[in-house]
PDB file of N, CA and C in Angstrom:
ATOM      1  N   MET A   1      -3.135   0.234 -13.554  1.00  0.00           N
ATOM      2  CA  MET A   1      -2.611   1.514 -13.914  1.00  0.00           C
ATOM      3  C   MET A   1      -1.100   1.428 -14.158  1.00  0.00           C
ATOM      4  N   LEU A   2      -0.408   0.580 -13.426  1.00  0.00           N
ATOM      5  CA  LEU A   2       1.038   0.483 -13.573  1.00  0.00           C
ATOM      6  C   LEU A   2       1.469  -0.563 -14.593  1.00  0.00           C
ATOM      7  N   THR A   3       0.561  -1.446 -14.987  1.00  0.00           N
ATOM      8  CA  THR A   3       0.900  -2.522 -15.910  1.00  0.00           C
ATOM      9  C   THR A   3       1.400  -2.019 -17.258  1.00  0.00           C
ATOM     10  N   PRO A   4       0.797  -0.985 -17.878  1.00  0.00           N
ATOM     11  CA  PRO A   4       1.333  -0.513 -19.158  1.00  0.00           C
ATOM     12  C   PRO A   4       2.781  -0.018 -19.065  1.00  0.00           C
ATOM     13  N   LEU A   5       3.222   0.343 -17.886  1.00  0.00           N
ATOM     14  CA  LEU A   5       4.597   0.797 -17.702  1.00  0.00           C
ATOM     15  C   LEU A   5       5.559  -0.361 -17.464  1.00  0.00           C
ATOM     16  N   GLY A   6       5.035  -1.573 -17.394  1.00  0.00           N
ATOM     17  CA  GLY A   6       5.866  -2.741 -17.143  1.00  0.00           C
ATOM     18  C   GLY A   6       6.079  -3.011 -15.667  1.00  0.00           C
ATOM     19  N   ILE A   7       5.223  -2.470 -14.838  1.00  0.00           N
ATOM     20  CA  ILE A   7       5.335  -2.673 -13.396  1.00  0.00           C
ATOM     21  C   ILE A   7       4.253  -3.643 -12.965  1.00  0.00           C
ATOM     22  N   ASP A   8       4.676  -4.760 -12.419  1.00  0.00           N
ATOM     23  CA  ASP A   8       3.745  -5.791 -11.982  1.00  0.00           C
ATOM     24  C   ASP A   8       3.458  -5.610 -10.500  1.00  0.00           C
ATOM     25  N   VAL A   9       2.238  -5.239 -10.187  1.00  0.00           N
ATOM     26  CA  VAL A   9       1.849  -5.103  -8.782  1.00  0.00           C
ATOM     27  C   VAL A   9       1.755  -6.510  -8.209  1.00  0.00           C
ATOM     28  N   SER A  10       2.324  -6.675  -7.052  1.00  0.00           N
ATOM     29  CA  SER A  10       2.394  -7.989  -6.425  1.00  0.00           C
ATOM     30  C   SER A  10       1.013  -8.630  -6.316  1.00  0.00           C
ATOM     31  N   ASN A  11       0.962  -9.925  -6.581  1.00  0.00           N
ATOM     32  CA  ASN A  11      -0.278 -10.679  -6.423  1.00  0.00           C
ATOM     33  C   ASN A  11      -0.340 -11.352  -5.060  1.00  0.00           C
ATOM     34  N   ASP A  12       0.554 -10.962  -4.172  1.00  0.00           N
ATOM     35  CA  ASP A  12       0.588 -11.533  -2.835  1.00  0.00           C
ATOM     36  C   ASP A  12      -0.648 -11.059  -2.066  1.00  0.00           C
ATOM     37  N   ILE A  13      -1.554 -11.975  -1.823  1.00  0.00           N
ATOM     38  CA  ILE A  13      -2.821 -11.658  -1.175  1.00  0.00           C
ATOM     39  C   ILE A  13      -2.588 -11.033   0.201  1.00  0.00           C
ATOM     40  N   HIS A  14      -1.600 -11.512   0.916  1.00  0.00           N
ATOM     41  CA  HIS A  14      -1.320 -11.008   2.259  1.00  0.00           C
ATOM     42  C   HIS A  14      -0.920  -9.530   2.219  1.00  0.00           C
ATOM     43  N   LEU A  15      -0.036  -9.158   1.288  1.00  0.00           N
ATOM     44  CA  LEU A  15       0.417  -7.771   1.204  1.00  0.00           C
ATOM     45  C   LEU A  15      -0.704  -6.841   0.750  1.00  0.00           C
ATOM     46  N   ILE A  16      -1.463  -7.278  -0.244  1.00  0.00           N
ATOM     47  CA  ILE A  16      -2.575  -6.460  -0.746  1.00  0.00           C
ATOM     48  C   ILE A  16      -3.635  -6.298   0.348  1.00  0.00           C
ATOM     49  N   SER A  17      -3.912  -7.367   1.068  1.00  0.00           N
ATOM     50  CA  SER A  17      -4.907  -7.313   2.143  1.00  0.00           C
ATOM     51  C   SER A  17      -4.461  -6.353   3.248  1.00  0.00           C
ATOM     52  N   SER A  18      -3.185  -6.379   3.583  1.00  0.00           N
ATOM     53  CA  SER A  18      -2.672  -5.468   4.608  1.00  0.00           C
ATOM     54  C   SER A  18      -2.817  -4.022   4.174  1.00  0.00           C
ATOM     55  N   LEU A  19      -2.530  -3.746   2.905  1.00  0.00           N
ATOM     56  CA  LEU A  19      -2.672  -2.389   2.388  1.00  0.00           C
ATOM     57  C   LEU A  19      -4.135  -1.942   2.445  1.00  0.00           C
ATOM     58  N   GLU A  20      -5.048  -2.841   2.081  1.00  0.00           N
ATOM     59  CA  GLU A  20      -6.475  -2.519   2.131  1.00  0.00           C
ATOM     60  C   GLU A  20      -6.938  -2.278   3.572  1.00  0.00           C
ATOM     61  N   GLN A  21      -6.486  -3.104   4.500  1.00  0.00           N
ATOM     62  CA  GLN A  21      -6.876  -2.932   5.899  1.00  0.00           C
ATOM     63  C   GLN A  21      -6.338  -1.621   6.463  1.00  0.00           C
ATOM     64  N   LEU A  22      -5.114  -1.288   6.096  1.00  0.00           N
ATOM     65  CA  LEU A  22      -4.542  -0.019   6.547  1.00  0.00           C
ATOM     66  C   LEU A  22      -5.364   1.150   6.022  1.00  0.00           C
ATOM     67  N   ALA A  23      -5.780   1.069   4.770  1.00  0.00           N
ATOM     68  CA  ALA A  23      -6.595   2.128   4.177  1.00  0.00           C
ATOM     69  C   ALA A  23      -7.959   2.221   4.859  1.00  0.00           C
ATOM     70  N   VAL A  24      -8.561   1.093   5.172  1.00  0.00           N
ATOM     71  CA  VAL A  24      -9.870   1.075   5.839  1.00  0.00           C
ATOM     72  C   VAL A  24      -9.780   1.729   7.217  1.00  0.00           C
ATOM     73  N   HIS A  25      -8.789   1.329   7.993  1.00  0.00           N
ATOM     74  CA  HIS A  25      -8.667   1.876   9.346  1.00  0.00           C
ATOM     75  C   HIS A  25      -8.259   3.339   9.325  1.00  0.00           C
ATOM     76  N   ARG A  26      -7.430   3.725   8.380  1.00  0.00           N
ATOM     77  CA  ARG A  26      -7.036   5.127   8.254  1.00  0.00           C
ATOM     78  C   ARG A  26      -8.250   5.973   7.896  1.00  0.00           C
ATOM     79  N   GLY A  27      -9.070   5.473   6.973  1.00  0.00           N
ATOM     80  CA  GLY A  27     -10.275   6.191   6.565  1.00  0.00           C
ATOM     81  C   GLY A  27     -11.276   6.311   7.697  1.00  0.00           C
ATOM     82  N   ALA A  28     -11.416   5.238   8.472  1.00  0.00           N
ATOM     83  CA  ALA A  28     -12.342   5.274   9.610  1.00  0.00           C
ATOM     84  C   ALA A  28     -11.894   6.319  10.624  1.00  0.00           C
ATOM     85  N   TYR A  29     -10.601   6.410  10.838  1.00  0.00           N
ATOM     86  CA  TYR A  29     -10.089   7.393  11.792  1.00  0.00           C
ATOM     87  C   TYR A  29     -10.206   8.812  11.240  1.00  0.00           C
ATOM     88  N   ALA A  30      -9.873   8.987   9.977  1.00  0.00           N
ATOM     89  CA  ALA A  30      -9.856  10.321   9.376  1.00  0.00           C
ATOM     90  C   ALA A  30     -11.259  10.918   9.243  1.00  0.00           C
ATOM     91  N   HIS A  31     -12.252  10.068   9.022  1.00  0.00           N
ATOM     92  CA  HIS A  31     -13.596  10.582   8.766  1.00  0.00           C
ATOM     93  C   HIS A  31     -14.520  10.510   9.971  1.00  0.00           C
ATOM     94  N   ASN A  32     -14.025  10.008  11.063  1.00  0.00           N
ATOM     95  CA  ASN A  32     -14.795   9.957  12.309  1.00  0.00           C
ATOM     96  C   ASN A  32     -13.942  10.573  13.414  1.00  0.00           C
ATOM     97  N   PHE A  33     -14.052  11.868  13.555  1.00  0.00           N
ATOM     98  CA  PHE A  33     -13.178  12.581  14.478  1.00  0.00           C
ATOM     99  C   PHE A  33     -13.407  12.180  15.927  1.00  0.00           C
ATOM    100  N   SER A  34     -14.622  11.838  16.271  1.00  0.00           N
ATOM    101  CA  SER A  34     -14.937  11.473  17.642  1.00  0.00           C
ATOM    102  C   SER A  34     -14.580  10.010  17.879  1.00  0.00           C
ATOM    103  N   GLN A  35     -13.879   9.742  18.951  1.00  0.00           N
ATOM    104  CA  GLN A  35     -13.482   8.373  19.283  1.00  0.00           C
ATOM    105  C   GLN A  35     -14.705   7.478  19.471  1.00  0.00           C
ATOM    106  N   SER A  36     -15.811   8.057  19.904  1.00  0.00           N
ATOM    107  CA  SER A  36     -17.006   7.259  20.137  1.00  0.00           C
ATOM    108  C   SER A  36     -17.660   6.806  18.831  1.00  0.00           C
ATOM    109  N   ARG A  37     -17.351   7.473  17.718  1.00  0.00           N
ATOM    110  CA  ARG A  37     -17.932   7.097  16.429  1.00  0.00           C
ATOM    111  C   ARG A  37     -17.144   6.013  15.717  1.00  0.00           C
ATOM    112  N   ILE A  38     -15.927   5.735  16.151  1.00  0.00           N
ATOM    113  CA  ILE A  38     -15.126   4.675  15.548  1.00  0.00           C
ATOM    114  C   ILE A  38     -15.603   3.346  16.123  1.00  0.00           C
ATOM    115  N   LYS A  39     -16.045   2.439  15.242  1.00  0.00           N
ATOM    116  CA  LYS A  39     -16.647   1.194  15.693  1.00  0.00           C
ATOM    117  C   LYS A  39     -15.621   0.109  15.997  1.00  0.00           C
ATOM    118  N   ILE A  40     -14.582   0.023  15.173  1.00  0.00           N
ATOM    119  CA  ILE A  40     -13.575  -1.021  15.349  1.00  0.00           C
ATOM    120  C   ILE A  40     -12.227  -0.361  15.595  1.00  0.00           C
ATOM    121  N   ILE A  41     -11.623  -0.673  16.716  1.00  0.00           N
ATOM    122  CA  ILE A  41     -10.300  -0.152  17.032  1.00  0.00           C
ATOM    123  C   ILE A  41      -9.320  -1.321  16.935  1.00  0.00           C
ATOM    124  N   PRO A  42      -8.453  -1.308  15.919  1.00  0.00           N
ATOM    125  CA  PRO A  42      -7.507  -2.419  15.755  1.00  0.00           C
ATOM    126  C   PRO A  42      -6.405  -2.349  16.809  1.00  0.00           C
ATOM    127  N   SER A  43      -5.792  -3.498  17.045  1.00  0.00           N
ATOM    128  CA  SER A  43      -4.697  -3.513  18.008  1.00  0.00           C
ATOM    129  C   SER A  43      -3.466  -2.843  17.395  1.00  0.00           C
ATOM    130  N   THR A  44      -2.608  -2.381  18.245  1.00  0.00           N
ATOM    131  CA  THR A  44      -1.387  -1.727  17.798  1.00  0.00           C
ATOM    132  C   THR A  44      -0.526  -2.694  16.999  1.00  0.00           C
ATOM    133  N   LEU A  45      -0.485  -3.941  17.416  1.00  0.00           N
ATOM    134  CA  LEU A  45       0.302  -4.947  16.708  1.00  0.00           C
ATOM    135  C   LEU A  45      -0.242  -5.190  15.303  1.00  0.00           C
ATOM    136  N   ASP A  46      -1.563  -5.238  15.160  1.00  0.00           N
ATOM    137  CA  ASP A  46      -2.168  -5.398  13.834  1.00  0.00           C
ATOM    138  C   ASP A  46      -1.800  -4.229  12.930  1.00  0.00           C
ATOM    139  N   LEU A  47      -1.910  -3.010  13.452  1.00  0.00           N
ATOM    140  CA  LEU A  47      -1.573  -1.839  12.655  1.00  0.00           C
ATOM    141  C   LEU A  47      -0.102  -1.838  12.255  1.00  0.00           C
ATOM    142  N   LEU A  48       0.765  -2.241  13.164  1.00  0.00           N
ATOM    143  CA  LEU A  48       2.192  -2.313  12.867  1.00  0.00           C
ATOM    144  C   LEU A  48       2.457  -3.335  11.762  1.00  0.00           C
ATOM    145  N   ASN A  49       1.765  -4.466  11.815  1.00  0.00           N
ATOM    146  CA  ASN A  49       1.908  -5.475  10.758  1.00  0.00           C
ATOM    147  C   ASN A  49       1.404  -4.947   9.419  1.00  0.00           C
ATOM    148  N   TYR A  50       0.281  -4.227   9.418  1.00  0.00           N
ATOM    149  CA  TYR A  50      -0.235  -3.648   8.181  1.00  0.00           C
ATOM    150  C   TYR A  50       0.764  -2.670   7.577  1.00  0.00           C
ATOM    151  N   VAL A  51       1.350  -1.841   8.423  1.00  0.00           N
ATOM    152  CA  VAL A  51       2.320  -0.848   7.937  1.00  0.00           C
ATOM    153  C   VAL A  51       3.564  -1.535   7.396  1.00  0.00           C
ATOM    154  N   ASN A  52       4.092  -2.519   8.120  1.00  0.00           N
ATOM    155  CA  ASN A  52       5.289  -3.228   7.653  1.00  0.00           C
ATOM    156  C   ASN A  52       5.039  -3.958   6.341  1.00  0.00           C
ATOM    157  N   ASP A  53       3.871  -4.584   6.196  1.00  0.00           N
ATOM    158  CA  ASP A  53       3.531  -5.257   4.943  1.00  0.00           C
ATOM    159  C   ASP A  53       3.399  -4.250   3.802  1.00  0.00           C
ATOM    160  N   SER A  54       2.808  -3.103   4.084  1.00  0.00           N
ATOM    161  CA  SER A  54       2.647  -2.071   3.061  1.00  0.00           C
ATOM    162  C   SER A  54       4.009  -1.523   2.630  1.00  0.00           C
ATOM    163  N   ILE A  55       4.913  -1.356   3.575  1.00  0.00           N
ATOM    164  CA  ILE A  55       6.266  -0.900   3.239  1.00  0.00           C
ATOM    165  C   ILE A  55       6.974  -1.939   2.376  1.00  0.00           C
ATOM    166  N   LEU A  56       6.799  -3.211   2.686  1.00  0.00           N
ATOM    167  CA  LEU A  56       7.401  -4.272   1.877  1.00  0.00           C
ATOM    168  C   LEU A  56       6.855  -4.239   0.444  1.00  0.00           C
ATOM    169  N   LEU A  57       5.554  -4.037   0.310  1.00  0.00           N
ATOM    170  CA  LEU A  57       4.949  -3.931  -1.019  1.00  0.00           C
ATOM    171  C   LEU A  57       5.512  -2.731  -1.782  1.00  0.00           C
ATOM    172  N   MET A  58       5.653  -1.601  -1.103  1.00  0.00           N
ATOM    173  CA  MET A  58       6.208  -0.400  -1.754  1.00  0.00           C
ATOM    174  C   MET A  58       7.667  -0.605  -2.153  1.00  0.00           C
ATOM    175  N   LYS A  59       8.433  -1.334  -1.353  1.00  0.00           N
ATOM    176  CA  LYS A  59       9.822  -1.632  -1.699  1.00  0.00           C
ATOM    177  C   LYS A  59       9.896  -2.478  -2.966  1.00  0.00           C
ATOM    178  N   LYS A  60       8.989  -3.465  -3.073  1.00  0.00           N
ATOM    179  CA  LYS A  60       8.953  -4.302  -4.273  1.00  0.00           C
ATOM    180  C   LYS A  60       8.628  -3.462  -5.503  1.00  0.00           C
ATOM    181  N   LEU A  61       7.661  -2.559  -5.368  1.00  0.00           N
ATOM    182  CA  LEU A  61       7.316  -1.678  -6.491  1.00  0.00           C
ATOM    183  C   LEU A  61       8.475  -0.753  -6.832  1.00  0.00           C
ATOM    184  N   TYR A  62       9.143  -0.226  -5.820  1.00  0.00           N
ATOM    185  CA  TYR A  62      10.275   0.671  -6.047  1.00  0.00           C
ATOM    186  C   TYR A  62      11.387  -0.027  -6.821  1.00  0.00           C
ATOM    187  N   LEU A  63      11.693  -1.265  -6.454  1.00  0.00           N
ATOM    188  CA  LEU A  63      12.747  -2.000  -7.155  1.00  0.00           C
ATOM    189  C   LEU A  63      12.388  -2.239  -8.613  1.00  0.00           C
ATOM    190  N   GLN A  64      11.118  -2.500  -8.883  1.00  0.00           N
ATOM    191  CA  GLN A  64      10.685  -2.677 -10.274  1.00  0.00           C
ATOM    192  C   GLN A  64      10.820  -1.374 -11.047  1.00  0.00           C
ATOM    193  N   ILE A  65      10.414  -0.280 -10.429  1.00  0.00           N
ATOM    194  CA  ILE A  65      10.490   1.025 -11.088  1.00  0.00           C
ATOM    195  C   ILE A  65      11.941   1.418 -11.326  1.00  0.00           C
ATOM    196  N   GLU A  66      12.796   1.122 -10.379  1.00  0.00           N
ATOM    197  CA  GLU A  66      14.206   1.466 -10.505  1.00  0.00           C
ATOM    198  C   GLU A  66      14.872   0.729 -11.673  1.00  0.00           C
ATOM    199  N   ASN A  67      14.368  -0.447 -12.013  1.00  0.00           N
ATOM    200  CA  ASN A  67      14.967  -1.253 -13.072  1.00  0.00           C
ATOM    201  C   ASN A  67      14.369  -1.001 -14.456  1.00  0.00           C
ATOM    202  N   ILE A  68      13.439  -0.080 -14.578  1.00  0.00           N
ATOM    203  CA  ILE A  68      12.841   0.227 -15.873  1.00  0.00           C
ATOM    204  C   ILE A  68      13.884   0.923 -16.750  1.00  0.00           C
ATOM    205  N   LYS A  69      13.961   0.483 -17.973  1.00  0.00           N
ATOM    206  CA  LYS A  69      14.875   1.104 -18.935  1.00  0.00           C
ATOM    207  C   LYS A  69      14.077   2.093 -19.781  1.00  0.00           C
ATOM    208  N   TYR A  70      14.523   3.311 -19.779  1.00  0.00           N
ATOM    209  CA  TYR A  70      13.854   4.348 -20.565  1.00  0.00           C
ATOM    210  C   TYR A  70      14.622   4.569 -21.860  1.00  0.00           C
ATOM    211  N   PHE A  71      13.890   4.838 -22.902  1.00  0.00           N
ATOM    212  CA  PHE A  71      14.500   5.121 -24.191  1.00  0.00           C
ATOM    213  C   PHE A  71      14.388   6.614 -24.456  1.00  0.00           C
ATOM    214  N   SER A  72      15.446   7.165 -24.973  1.00  0.00           N
ATOM    215  CA  SER A  72      15.365   8.581 -25.373  1.00  0.00           C
ATOM    216  C   SER A  72      15.645   8.646 -26.869  1.00  0.00           C
ATOM    217  N   TYR A  73      14.862   9.466 -27.513  1.00  0.00           N
ATOM    218  CA  TYR A  73      14.991   9.626 -28.956  1.00  0.00           C
ATOM    219  C   TYR A  73      15.716  10.931 -29.243  1.00  0.00           C
ATOM    220  N   LYS A  74      16.706  10.863 -30.102  1.00  0.00           N
ATOM    221  CA  LYS A  74      17.445  12.068 -30.474  1.00  0.00           C
ATOM    222  C   LYS A  74      16.912  12.530 -31.814  1.00  0.00           C
ATOM    223  N   TYR A  75      16.705  13.803 -31.925  1.00  0.00           N
ATOM    224  CA  TYR A  75      16.213  14.374 -33.172  1.00  0.00           C
ATOM    225  C   TYR A  75      17.356  14.971 -33.940  1.00  0.00           C
TER     226      TYR A  75
END
């Protein structure tokens, strides 16, 4: 989705995997209100690593977006 804009989403497997794991655990928590229905409870350290990796990925995307040159056409 971002490629046509000239934004290259990182191919770093570790960062993408962390983002996916964060989404999985967030979804499990959000859609299973009862603690007894949540099957896998990740450690706090794992969640912190997922969040830090996701923030690093977002920073990389932000820097790419910040460097995009826009053209304006005058009529």
